[in-house]
Full PDB file with SEQRES, HELIX, SHEET, SSBOND, CRYST1, ORIGX, SCALE, CONECT and MASTER records, all heavy atoms in Angstrom:
SEQRES   1 A   35  ASP ARG ARG GLY VAL VAL THR LEU ASP LYS GLU ILE PHE          
SEQRES   2 A   35  LYS LYS ASN ASN ASN ARG THR ILE ILE TRP VAL ASN ASN          
SEQRES   3 A   35  THR ASN VAL GLY HIS GLU LEU PRO LYS                          
HELIX    1 AA1 GLU A   11  LYS A   15  1                                   5    
CRYST1    1.000    1.000    1.000  90.00  90.00  90.00 P 1           1          
ORIGX1      1.000000  0.000000  0.000000        0.00000                         
ORIGX2      0.000000  1.000000  0.000000        0.00000                         
ORIGX3      0.000000  0.000000  1.000000        0.00000                         
SCALE1      1.000000  0.000000  0.000000        0.00000                         
SCALE2      0.000000  1.000000  0.000000        0.00000                         
SCALE3      0.000000  0.000000  1.000000        0.00000                         
ATOM      1  N   ASP A   1       2.160   5.406   7.268  1.00  0.00           N  
ATOM      2  CA  ASP A   1       3.469   5.273   6.619  1.00  0.00           C  
ATOM      3  C   ASP A   1       3.925   6.625   6.129  1.00  0.00           C  
ATOM      4  O   ASP A   1       4.091   6.861   4.942  1.00  0.00           O  
ATOM      5  CB  ASP A   1       3.336   4.251   5.483  1.00  0.00           C  
ATOM      6  CG  ASP A   1       4.643   4.031   4.731  1.00  0.00           C  
ATOM      7  OD1 ASP A   1       5.712   4.186   5.335  1.00  0.00           O  
ATOM      8  OD2 ASP A   1       4.563   3.741   3.522  1.00  0.00           O  
ATOM      9  N   ARG A   2       4.092   7.612   7.063  1.00  0.00           N  
ATOM     10  CA  ARG A   2       4.406   8.967   6.665  1.00  0.00           C  
ATOM     11  C   ARG A   2       5.757   9.095   5.982  1.00  0.00           C  
ATOM     12  O   ARG A   2       5.995  10.014   5.210  1.00  0.00           O  
ATOM     13  CB  ARG A   2       4.324   9.881   7.880  1.00  0.00           C  
ATOM     14  CG  ARG A   2       2.901  10.100   8.386  1.00  0.00           C  
ATOM     15  CD  ARG A   2       2.842  10.962   9.638  1.00  0.00           C  
ATOM     16  NE  ARG A   2       3.340  10.248  10.810  1.00  0.00           N  
ATOM     17  CZ  ARG A   2       3.402  10.820  12.020  1.00  0.00           C  
ATOM     18  NH1 ARG A   2       3.056  12.061  12.197  1.00  0.00           N  
ATOM     19  NH2 ARG A   2       3.871  10.136  13.046  1.00  0.00           N  
ATOM     20  N   ARG A   3       6.670   8.137   6.254  1.00  0.00           N  
ATOM     21  CA  ARG A   3       8.002   8.154   5.629  1.00  0.00           C  
ATOM     22  C   ARG A   3       8.035   7.479   4.279  1.00  0.00           C  
ATOM     23  O   ARG A   3       8.978   7.564   3.541  1.00  0.00           O  
ATOM     24  CB  ARG A   3       9.027   7.514   6.558  1.00  0.00           C  
ATOM     25  CG  ARG A   3       9.253   8.237   7.884  1.00  0.00           C  
ATOM     26  CD  ARG A   3      10.153   7.436   8.777  1.00  0.00           C  
ATOM     27  NE  ARG A   3       9.583   6.143   9.115  1.00  0.00           N  
ATOM     28  CZ  ARG A   3      10.268   5.033   9.339  1.00  0.00           C  
ATOM     29  NH1 ARG A   3      11.600   5.048   9.238  1.00  0.00           N  
ATOM     30  NH2 ARG A   3       9.639   3.931   9.663  1.00  0.00           N  
ATOM     31  N   GLY A   4       6.980   6.760   3.949  1.00  0.00           N  
ATOM     32  CA  GLY A   4       6.901   6.085   2.642  1.00  0.00           C  
ATOM     33  C   GLY A   4       7.843   4.897   2.517  1.00  0.00           C  
ATOM     34  O   GLY A   4       8.445   4.726   1.470  1.00  0.00           O  
ATOM     35  N   VAL A   5       7.950   4.059   3.579  1.00  0.00           N  
ATOM     36  CA  VAL A   5       8.902   2.950   3.556  1.00  0.00           C  
ATOM     37  C   VAL A   5       8.197   1.587   3.309  1.00  0.00           C  
ATOM     38  O   VAL A   5       8.890   0.594   3.036  1.00  0.00           O  
ATOM     39  CB  VAL A   5       9.699   2.874   4.854  1.00  0.00           C  
ATOM     40  CG1 VAL A   5      10.522   4.122   5.054  1.00  0.00           C  
ATOM     41  CG2 VAL A   5       8.784   2.631   6.078  1.00  0.00           C  
ATOM     42  N   VAL A   6       6.891   1.535   3.382  1.00  0.00           N  
ATOM     43  CA  VAL A   6       6.182   0.260   3.227  1.00  0.00           C  
ATOM     44  C   VAL A   6       6.166  -0.154   1.776  1.00  0.00           C  
ATOM     45  O   VAL A   6       5.947   0.646   0.881  1.00  0.00           O  
ATOM     46  CB  VAL A   6       4.750   0.372   3.796  1.00  0.00           C  
ATOM     47  CG1 VAL A   6       3.911  -0.853   3.431  1.00  0.00           C  
ATOM     48  CG2 VAL A   6       4.773   0.546   5.295  1.00  0.00           C  
ATOM     49  N   THR A   7       6.429  -1.461   1.530  1.00  0.00           N  
ATOM     50  CA  THR A   7       6.441  -2.000   0.196  1.00  0.00           C  
ATOM     51  C   THR A   7       5.249  -2.923  -0.047  1.00  0.00           C  
ATOM     52  O   THR A   7       4.719  -3.538   0.887  1.00  0.00           O  
ATOM     53  CB  THR A   7       7.740  -2.752  -0.066  1.00  0.00           C  
ATOM     54  OG1 THR A   7       7.924  -3.760   0.953  1.00  0.00           O  
ATOM     55  CG2 THR A   7       8.948  -1.811  -0.008  1.00  0.00           C  
ATOM     56  N   LEU A   8       4.855  -3.061  -1.301  1.00  0.00           N  
ATOM     57  CA  LEU A   8       3.640  -3.794  -1.635  1.00  0.00           C  
ATOM     58  C   LEU A   8       3.828  -5.326  -1.577  1.00  0.00           C  
ATOM     59  O   LEU A   8       2.871  -6.061  -1.846  1.00  0.00           O  
ATOM     60  CB  LEU A   8       3.156  -3.399  -3.033  1.00  0.00           C  
ATOM     61  CG  LEU A   8       2.490  -2.017  -3.126  1.00  0.00           C  
ATOM     62  CD1 LEU A   8       2.314  -1.636  -4.569  1.00  0.00           C  
ATOM     63  CD2 LEU A   8       1.177  -2.008  -2.391  1.00  0.00           C  
ATOM     64  N   ASP A   9       5.018  -5.796  -1.235  1.00  0.00           N  
ATOM     65  CA  ASP A   9       5.229  -7.251  -1.136  1.00  0.00           C  
ATOM     66  C   ASP A   9       4.913  -7.784   0.255  1.00  0.00           C  
ATOM     67  O   ASP A   9       5.088  -8.957   0.521  1.00  0.00           O  
ATOM     68  CB  ASP A   9       6.665  -7.603  -1.533  1.00  0.00           C  
ATOM     69  CG  ASP A   9       7.694  -6.963  -0.593  1.00  0.00           C  
ATOM     70  OD1 ASP A   9       7.331  -5.963   0.078  1.00  0.00           O  
ATOM     71  OD2 ASP A   9       8.830  -7.450  -0.542  1.00  0.00           O  
ATOM     72  N   LYS A  10       4.419  -6.921   1.170  1.00  0.00           N  
ATOM     73  CA  LYS A  10       4.161  -7.346   2.540  1.00  0.00           C  
ATOM     74  C   LYS A  10       2.852  -8.127   2.616  1.00  0.00           C  
ATOM     75  O   LYS A  10       1.970  -8.015   1.754  1.00  0.00           O  
ATOM     76  CB  LYS A  10       4.137  -6.138   3.490  1.00  0.00           C  
ATOM     77  CG  LYS A  10       5.347  -5.247   3.429  1.00  0.00           C  
ATOM     78  CD  LYS A  10       6.666  -5.993   3.437  1.00  0.00           C  
ATOM     79  CE  LYS A  10       7.003  -6.650   4.792  1.00  0.00           C  
ATOM     80  NZ  LYS A  10       8.313  -7.315   4.775  1.00  0.00           N  
ATOM     81  N   GLU A  11       2.735  -8.894   3.680  1.00  0.00           N  
ATOM     82  CA  GLU A  11       1.621  -9.852   3.837  1.00  0.00           C  
ATOM     83  C   GLU A  11       0.249  -9.152   3.775  1.00  0.00           C  
ATOM     84  O   GLU A  11      -0.703  -9.696   3.203  1.00  0.00           O  
ATOM     85  CB  GLU A  11       1.750 -10.556   5.195  1.00  0.00           C  
ATOM     86  CG  GLU A  11       0.845 -11.756   5.374  1.00  0.00           C  
ATOM     87  CD  GLU A  11       1.257 -12.954   4.534  1.00  0.00           C  
ATOM     88  OE1 GLU A  11       2.388 -12.955   4.007  1.00  0.00           O  
ATOM     89  OE2 GLU A  11       0.443 -13.873   4.404  1.00  0.00           O  
ATOM     90  N   ILE A  12       0.156  -7.951   4.337  1.00  0.00           N  
ATOM     91  CA  ILE A  12      -1.124  -7.278   4.387  1.00  0.00           C  
ATOM     92  C   ILE A  12      -1.692  -6.995   3.009  1.00  0.00           C  
ATOM     93  O   ILE A  12      -2.908  -7.018   2.787  1.00  0.00           O  
ATOM     94  CB  ILE A  12      -1.023  -5.951   5.195  1.00  0.00           C  
ATOM     95  CG1 ILE A  12      -2.386  -5.386   5.512  1.00  0.00           C  
ATOM     96  CG2 ILE A  12      -0.154  -4.919   4.474  1.00  0.00           C  
ATOM     97  CD1 ILE A  12      -3.194  -6.246   6.446  1.00  0.00           C  
ATOM     98  N   PHE A  13      -0.794  -6.783   2.019  1.00  0.00           N  
ATOM     99  CA  PHE A  13      -1.251  -6.545   0.655  1.00  0.00           C  
ATOM    100  C   PHE A  13      -1.534  -7.840  -0.078  1.00  0.00           C  
ATOM    101  O   PHE A  13      -2.406  -7.950  -0.919  1.00  0.00           O  
ATOM    102  CB  PHE A  13      -0.200  -5.725  -0.093  1.00  0.00           C  
ATOM    103  CG  PHE A  13      -0.006  -4.353   0.440  1.00  0.00           C  
ATOM    104  CD1 PHE A  13       1.140  -4.037   1.139  1.00  0.00           C  
ATOM    105  CD2 PHE A  13      -0.974  -3.366   0.317  1.00  0.00           C  
ATOM    106  CE1 PHE A  13       1.370  -2.751   1.635  1.00  0.00           C  
ATOM    107  CE2 PHE A  13      -0.776  -2.097   0.817  1.00  0.00           C  
ATOM    108  CZ  PHE A  13       0.390  -1.770   1.487  1.00  0.00           C  
ATOM    109  N   LYS A  14      -0.726  -8.876   0.194  1.00  0.00           N  
ATOM    110  CA  LYS A  14      -0.886 -10.152  -0.519  1.00  0.00           C  
ATOM    111  C   LYS A  14      -2.090 -10.946  -0.052  1.00  0.00           C  
ATOM    112  O   LYS A  14      -2.834 -11.510  -0.877  1.00  0.00           O  
ATOM    113  CB  LYS A  14       0.384 -10.998  -0.322  1.00  0.00           C  
ATOM    114  CG  LYS A  14       1.617 -10.423  -0.994  1.00  0.00           C  
ATOM    115  CD  LYS A  14       2.787 -11.379  -0.956  1.00  0.00           C  
ATOM    116  CE  LYS A  14       3.262 -11.627   0.473  1.00  0.00           C  
ATOM    117  NZ  LYS A  14       4.470 -12.496   0.507  1.00  0.00           N  
ATOM    118  N   LYS A  15      -2.288 -11.013   1.255  1.00  0.00           N  
ATOM    119  CA  LYS A  15      -3.309 -11.910   1.819  1.00  0.00           C  
ATOM    120  C   LYS A  15      -4.698 -11.276   1.784  1.00  0.00           C  
ATOM    121  O   LYS A  15      -5.682 -11.980   1.896  1.00  0.00           O  
ATOM    122  CB  LYS A  15      -2.936 -12.286   3.253  1.00  0.00           C  
ATOM    123  CG  LYS A  15      -3.293 -13.695   3.611  1.00  0.00           C  
ATOM    124  CD  LYS A  15      -2.726 -14.041   4.974  1.00  0.00           C  
ATOM    125  CE  LYS A  15      -2.841 -15.527   5.244  1.00  0.00           C  
ATOM    126  NZ  LYS A  15      -2.320 -15.906   6.544  1.00  0.00           N  
ATOM    127  N   ASN A  16      -4.791  -9.968   1.675  1.00  0.00           N  
ATOM    128  CA  ASN A  16      -6.064  -9.281   1.790  1.00  0.00           C  
ATOM    129  C   ASN A  16      -6.334  -8.469   0.537  1.00  0.00           C  
ATOM    130  O   ASN A  16      -6.604  -7.287   0.623  1.00  0.00           O  
ATOM    131  CB  ASN A  16      -6.058  -8.403   3.030  1.00  0.00           C  
ATOM    132  CG  ASN A  16      -5.723  -9.152   4.287  1.00  0.00           C  
ATOM    133  OD1 ASN A  16      -6.530  -9.909   4.784  1.00  0.00           O  
ATOM    134  ND2 ASN A  16      -4.515  -8.958   4.812  1.00  0.00           N  
ATOM    135  N   ASN A  17      -6.254  -9.160  -0.609  1.00  0.00           N  
ATOM    136  CA  ASN A  17      -6.326  -8.384  -1.847  1.00  0.00           C  
ATOM    137  C   ASN A  17      -7.696  -7.777  -2.116  1.00  0.00           C  
ATOM    138  O   ASN A  17      -7.826  -6.947  -3.016  1.00  0.00           O  
ATOM    139  CB  ASN A  17      -5.902  -9.279  -3.042  1.00  0.00           C  
ATOM    140  CG  ASN A  17      -6.647 -10.563  -3.104  1.00  0.00           C  
ATOM    141  OD1 ASN A  17      -7.512 -10.851  -2.278  1.00  0.00           O  
ATOM    142  ND2 ASN A  17      -6.368 -11.390  -4.105  1.00  0.00           N  
ATOM    143  N   ASN A  18      -8.731  -8.139  -1.327  1.00  0.00           N  
ATOM    144  CA  ASN A  18     -10.045  -7.496  -1.498  1.00  0.00           C  
ATOM    145  C   ASN A  18     -10.398  -6.688  -0.262  1.00  0.00           C  
ATOM    146  O   ASN A  18     -11.529  -6.178  -0.179  1.00  0.00           O  
ATOM    147  CB  ASN A  18     -11.117  -8.536  -1.760  1.00  0.00           C  
ATOM    148  CG  ASN A  18     -10.944  -9.218  -3.119  1.00  0.00           C  
ATOM    149  OD1 ASN A  18     -10.698  -8.534  -4.102  1.00  0.00           O  
ATOM    150  ND2 ASN A  18     -11.055 -10.515  -3.165  1.00  0.00           N  
ATOM    151  N   ARG A  19      -9.523  -6.578   0.689  1.00  0.00           N  
ATOM    152  CA  ARG A  19      -9.804  -5.898   1.946  1.00  0.00           C  
ATOM    153  C   ARG A  19      -9.471  -4.416   1.820  1.00  0.00           C  
ATOM    154  O   ARG A  19      -8.491  -4.035   1.204  1.00  0.00           O  
ATOM    155  CB  ARG A  19      -8.972  -6.543   3.048  1.00  0.00           C  
ATOM    156  CG  ARG A  19      -9.273  -6.070   4.466  1.00  0.00           C  
ATOM    157  CD  ARG A  19      -8.524  -6.983   5.397  1.00  0.00           C  
ATOM    158  NE  ARG A  19      -8.596  -6.554   6.767  1.00  0.00           N  
ATOM    159  CZ  ARG A  19      -7.842  -7.095   7.726  1.00  0.00           C  
ATOM    160  NH1 ARG A  19      -6.992  -8.075   7.428  1.00  0.00           N  
ATOM    161  NH2 ARG A  19      -7.944  -6.677   8.957  1.00  0.00           N  
ATOM    162  N   THR A  20     -10.334  -3.592   2.426  1.00  0.00           N  
ATOM    163  CA  THR A  20     -10.094  -2.141   2.343  1.00  0.00           C  
ATOM    164  C   THR A  20      -8.870  -1.747   3.137  1.00  0.00           C  
ATOM    165  O   THR A  20      -8.724  -2.092   4.317  1.00  0.00           O  
ATOM    166  CB  THR A  20     -11.325  -1.400   2.835  1.00  0.00           C  
ATOM    167  OG1 THR A  20     -12.469  -1.781   2.100  1.00  0.00           O  
ATOM    168  CG2 THR A  20     -11.123   0.089   2.744  1.00  0.00           C  
ATOM    169  N   ILE A  21      -7.957  -1.011   2.510  1.00  0.00           N  
ATOM    170  CA  ILE A  21      -6.728  -0.531   3.174  1.00  0.00           C  
ATOM    171  C   ILE A  21      -6.615   0.965   2.927  1.00  0.00           C  
ATOM    172  O   ILE A  21      -6.765   1.452   1.806  1.00  0.00           O  
ATOM    173  CB  ILE A  21      -5.497  -1.252   2.605  1.00  0.00           C  
ATOM    174  CG1 ILE A  21      -5.543  -2.757   2.892  1.00  0.00           C  
ATOM    175  CG2 ILE A  21      -4.216  -0.612   3.158  1.00  0.00           C  
ATOM    176  CD1 ILE A  21      -4.431  -3.551   2.219  1.00  0.00           C  
ATOM    177  N   ILE A  22      -6.446   1.733   4.017  1.00  0.00           N  
ATOM    178  CA  ILE A  22      -6.152   3.159   3.914  1.00  0.00           C  
ATOM    179  C   ILE A  22      -4.642   3.297   4.196  1.00  0.00           C  
ATOM    180  O   ILE A  22      -4.160   2.953   5.253  1.00  0.00           O  
ATOM    181  CB  ILE A  22      -6.981   3.965   4.918  1.00  0.00           C  
ATOM    182  CG1 ILE A  22      -8.469   3.837   4.560  1.00  0.00           C  
ATOM    183  CG2 ILE A  22      -6.542   5.448   4.911  1.00  0.00           C  
ATOM    184  CD1 ILE A  22      -9.397   4.546   5.545  1.00  0.00           C  
ATOM    185  N   TRP A  23      -3.933   3.811   3.214  1.00  0.00           N  
ATOM    186  CA  TRP A  23      -2.473   3.898   3.272  1.00  0.00           C  
ATOM    187  C   TRP A  23      -2.068   5.374   3.362  1.00  0.00           C  
ATOM    188  O   TRP A  23      -2.198   6.134   2.398  1.00  0.00           O  
ATOM    189  CB  TRP A  23      -1.902   3.240   2.025  1.00  0.00           C  
ATOM    190  CG  TRP A  23      -0.413   3.048   2.005  1.00  0.00           C  
ATOM    191  CD1 TRP A  23       0.468   3.299   3.009  1.00  0.00           C  
ATOM    192  CD2 TRP A  23       0.354   2.554   0.906  1.00  0.00           C  
ATOM    193  NE1 TRP A  23       1.744   2.988   2.619  1.00  0.00           N  
ATOM    194  CE2 TRP A  23       1.697   2.518   1.324  1.00  0.00           C  
ATOM    195  CE3 TRP A  23       0.044   2.125  -0.380  1.00  0.00           C  
ATOM    196  CZ2 TRP A  23       2.738   2.097   0.492  1.00  0.00           C  
ATOM    197  CZ3 TRP A  23       1.073   1.696  -1.202  1.00  0.00           C  
ATOM    198  CH2 TRP A  23       2.393   1.669  -0.758  1.00  0.00           C  
ATOM    199  N   VAL A  24      -1.603   5.775   4.548  1.00  0.00           N  
ATOM    200  CA  VAL A  24      -1.072   7.139   4.723  1.00  0.00           C  
ATOM    201  C   VAL A  24       0.360   7.147   4.215  1.00  0.00           C  
ATOM    202  O   VAL A  24       1.246   6.556   4.822  1.00  0.00           O  
ATOM    203  CB  VAL A  24      -1.147   7.564   6.209  1.00  0.00           C  
ATOM    204  CG1 VAL A  24      -0.577   8.962   6.385  1.00  0.00           C  
ATOM    205  CG2 VAL A  24      -2.565   7.499   6.733  1.00  0.00           C  
ATOM    206  N   ASN A  25       0.573   7.774   3.079  1.00  0.00           N  
ATOM    207  CA  ASN A  25       1.869   7.722   2.418  1.00  0.00           C  
ATOM    208  C   ASN A  25       2.117   9.016   1.699  1.00  0.00           C  
ATOM    209  O   ASN A  25       1.342   9.459   0.863  1.00  0.00           O  
ATOM    210  CB  ASN A  25       1.887   6.554   1.406  1.00  0.00           C  
ATOM    211  CG  ASN A  25       3.206   6.337   0.740  1.00  0.00           C  
ATOM    212  OD1 ASN A  25       3.909   7.296   0.416  1.00  0.00           O  
ATOM    213  ND2 ASN A  25       3.556   5.093   0.514  1.00  0.00           N  
ATOM    214  N   ASN A  26       3.199   9.725   2.056  1.00  0.00           N  
ATOM    215  CA  ASN A  26       3.495  11.036   1.498  1.00  0.00           C  
ATOM    216  C   ASN A  26       4.402  11.007   0.295  1.00  0.00           C  
ATOM    217  O   ASN A  26       4.759  12.055  -0.247  1.00  0.00           O  
ATOM    218  CB  ASN A  26       4.144  11.924   2.584  1.00  0.00           C  
ATOM    219  CG  ASN A  26       3.117  12.381   3.577  1.00  0.00           C  
ATOM    220  OD1 ASN A  26       1.996  12.675   3.232  1.00  0.00           O  
ATOM    221  ND2 ASN A  26       3.495  12.400   4.838  1.00  0.00           N  
ATOM    222  N   THR A  27       4.810   9.811  -0.147  1.00  0.00           N  
ATOM    223  CA  THR A  27       5.695   9.733  -1.315  1.00  0.00           C  
ATOM    224  C   THR A  27       4.857   9.462  -2.561  1.00  0.00           C  
ATOM    225  O   THR A  27       3.682   9.104  -2.517  1.00  0.00           O  
ATOM    226  CB  THR A  27       6.711   8.608  -1.124  1.00  0.00           C  
ATOM    227  OG1 THR A  27       6.013   7.339  -0.988  1.00  0.00           O  
ATOM    228  CG2 THR A  27       7.540   8.832   0.131  1.00  0.00           C  
ATOM    229  N   ASN A  28       5.479   9.586  -3.707  1.00  0.00           N  
ATOM    230  CA  ASN A  28       4.806   9.237  -4.960  1.00  0.00           C  
ATOM    231  C   ASN A  28       4.921   7.740  -5.188  1.00  0.00           C  
ATOM    232  O   ASN A  28       6.011   7.203  -5.388  1.00  0.00           O  
ATOM    233  CB  ASN A  28       5.489   9.983  -6.140  1.00  0.00           C  
ATOM    234  CG  ASN A  28       5.232  11.462  -6.051  1.00  0.00           C  
ATOM    235  OD1 ASN A  28       4.151  11.911  -5.689  1.00  0.00           O  
ATOM    236  ND2 ASN A  28       6.269  12.278  -6.355  1.00  0.00           N  
ATOM    237  N   VAL A  29       3.797   7.066  -5.104  1.00  0.00           N  
ATOM    238  CA  VAL A  29       3.807   5.589  -5.223  1.00  0.00           C  
ATOM    239  C   VAL A  29       4.303   5.161  -6.573  1.00  0.00           C  
ATOM    240  O   VAL A  29       4.991   4.170  -6.753  1.00  0.00           O  
ATOM    241  CB  VAL A  29       2.377   5.045  -4.926  1.00  0.00           C  
ATOM    242  CG1 VAL A  29       2.353   3.526  -5.186  1.00  0.00           C  
ATOM    243  CG2 VAL A  29       1.991   5.346  -3.505  1.00  0.00           C  
ATOM    244  N   GLY A  30       3.971   5.929  -7.619  1.00  0.00           N  
ATOM    245  CA  GLY A  30       4.562   5.682  -8.929  1.00  0.00           C  
ATOM    246  C   GLY A  30       3.810   4.736  -9.822  1.00  0.00           C  
ATOM    247  O   GLY A  30       4.195   4.529 -10.978  1.00  0.00           O  
ATOM    248  N   HIS A  31       2.757   4.106  -9.334  1.00  0.00           N  
ATOM    249  CA  HIS A  31       1.991   3.217 -10.175  1.00  0.00           C  
ATOM    250  C   HIS A  31       0.554   3.157  -9.655  1.00  0.00           C  
ATOM    251  O   HIS A  31       0.288   3.506  -8.500  1.00  0.00           O  
ATOM    252  CB  HIS A  31       2.593   1.812 -10.249  1.00  0.00           C  
ATOM    253  CG  HIS A  31       2.895   1.233  -8.920  1.00  0.00           C  
ATOM    254  ND1 HIS A  31       1.939   0.605  -8.138  1.00  0.00           N  
ATOM    255  CD2 HIS A  31       4.058   1.173  -8.193  1.00  0.00           C  
ATOM    256  CE1 HIS A  31       2.503   0.218  -7.016  1.00  0.00           C  
ATOM    257  NE2 HIS A  31       3.777   0.535  -7.019  1.00  0.00           N  
ATOM    258  N   GLU A  32      -0.360   2.664 -10.465  1.00  0.00           N  
ATOM    259  CA  GLU A  32      -1.754   2.609 -10.083  1.00  0.00           C  
ATOM    260  C   GLU A  32      -1.957   1.524  -9.024  1.00  0.00           C  
ATOM    261  O   GLU A  32      -1.450   0.394  -9.153  1.00  0.00           O  
ATOM    262  CB  GLU A  32      -2.615   2.346 -11.305  1.00  0.00           C  
ATOM    263  CG  GLU A  32      -4.099   2.446 -11.039  1.00  0.00           C  
ATOM    264  CD  GLU A  32      -4.929   2.310 -12.301  1.00  0.00           C  
ATOM    265  OE1 GLU A  32      -4.338   2.363 -13.409  1.00  0.00           O  
ATOM    266  OE2 GLU A  32      -6.162   2.190 -12.181  1.00  0.00           O  
ATOM    267  N   LEU A  33      -2.731   1.850  -8.003  1.00  0.00           N  
ATOM    268  CA  LEU A  33      -3.001   0.894  -6.940  1.00  0.00           C  
ATOM    269  C   LEU A  33      -4.338   0.212  -7.149  1.00  0.00           C  
ATOM    270  O   LEU A  33      -5.228   0.747  -7.810  1.00  0.00           O  
ATOM    271  CB  LEU A  33      -3.024   1.612  -5.580  1.00  0.00           C  
ATOM    272  CG  LEU A  33      -1.689   2.223  -5.120  1.00  0.00           C  
ATOM    273  CD1 LEU A  33      -1.911   3.085  -3.881  1.00  0.00           C  
ATOM    274  CD2 LEU A  33      -0.681   1.111  -4.809  1.00  0.00           C  
ATOM    275  N   PRO A  34      -4.517  -1.005  -6.566  1.00  0.00           N  
ATOM    276  CA  PRO A  34      -5.848  -1.655  -6.632  1.00  0.00           C  
ATOM    277  C   PRO A  34      -6.907  -0.768  -5.996  1.00  0.00           C  
ATOM    278  O   PRO A  34      -6.625   0.091  -5.160  1.00  0.00           O  
ATOM    279  CB  PRO A  34      -5.619  -2.931  -5.801  1.00  0.00           C  
ATOM    280  CG  PRO A  34      -4.147  -3.164  -5.842  1.00  0.00           C  
ATOM    281  CD  PRO A  34      -3.517  -1.826  -5.892  1.00  0.00           C  
ATOM    282  N   LYS A  35      -8.173  -0.961  -6.393  1.00  0.00           N  
ATOM    283  CA  LYS A  35      -9.246  -0.090  -5.958  1.00  0.00           C  
ATOM    284  C   LYS A  35      -9.516  -0.192  -4.442  1.00  0.00           C  
ATOM    285  O   LYS A  35     -10.129   0.712  -3.864  1.00  0.00           O  
ATOM    286  CB  LYS A  35     -10.536  -0.453  -6.723  1.00  0.00           C  
ATOM    287  CG  LYS A  35     -10.459  -0.077  -8.192  1.00  0.00           C  
ATOM    288  CD  LYS A  35     -11.758  -0.395  -8.885  1.00  0.00           C  
ATOM    289  CE  LYS A  35     -11.713  -0.013 -10.363  1.00  0.00           C  
ATOM    290  NZ  LYS A  35     -12.975  -0.330 -11.065  1.00  0.00           N  
TER     291      LYS A  35                                                      
MASTER        0    0    0    1    0    0    0    6  290    1    0    3          
END                                                                             
């Protein structure tokens, strides 16, 4: 997600809340993310 357009309300974040996710994001997310 080099443009920083992905939002945390998408299925991948909701359904897999314990699954490891590597998020390539060049923007300032602005809040603390889950571990």
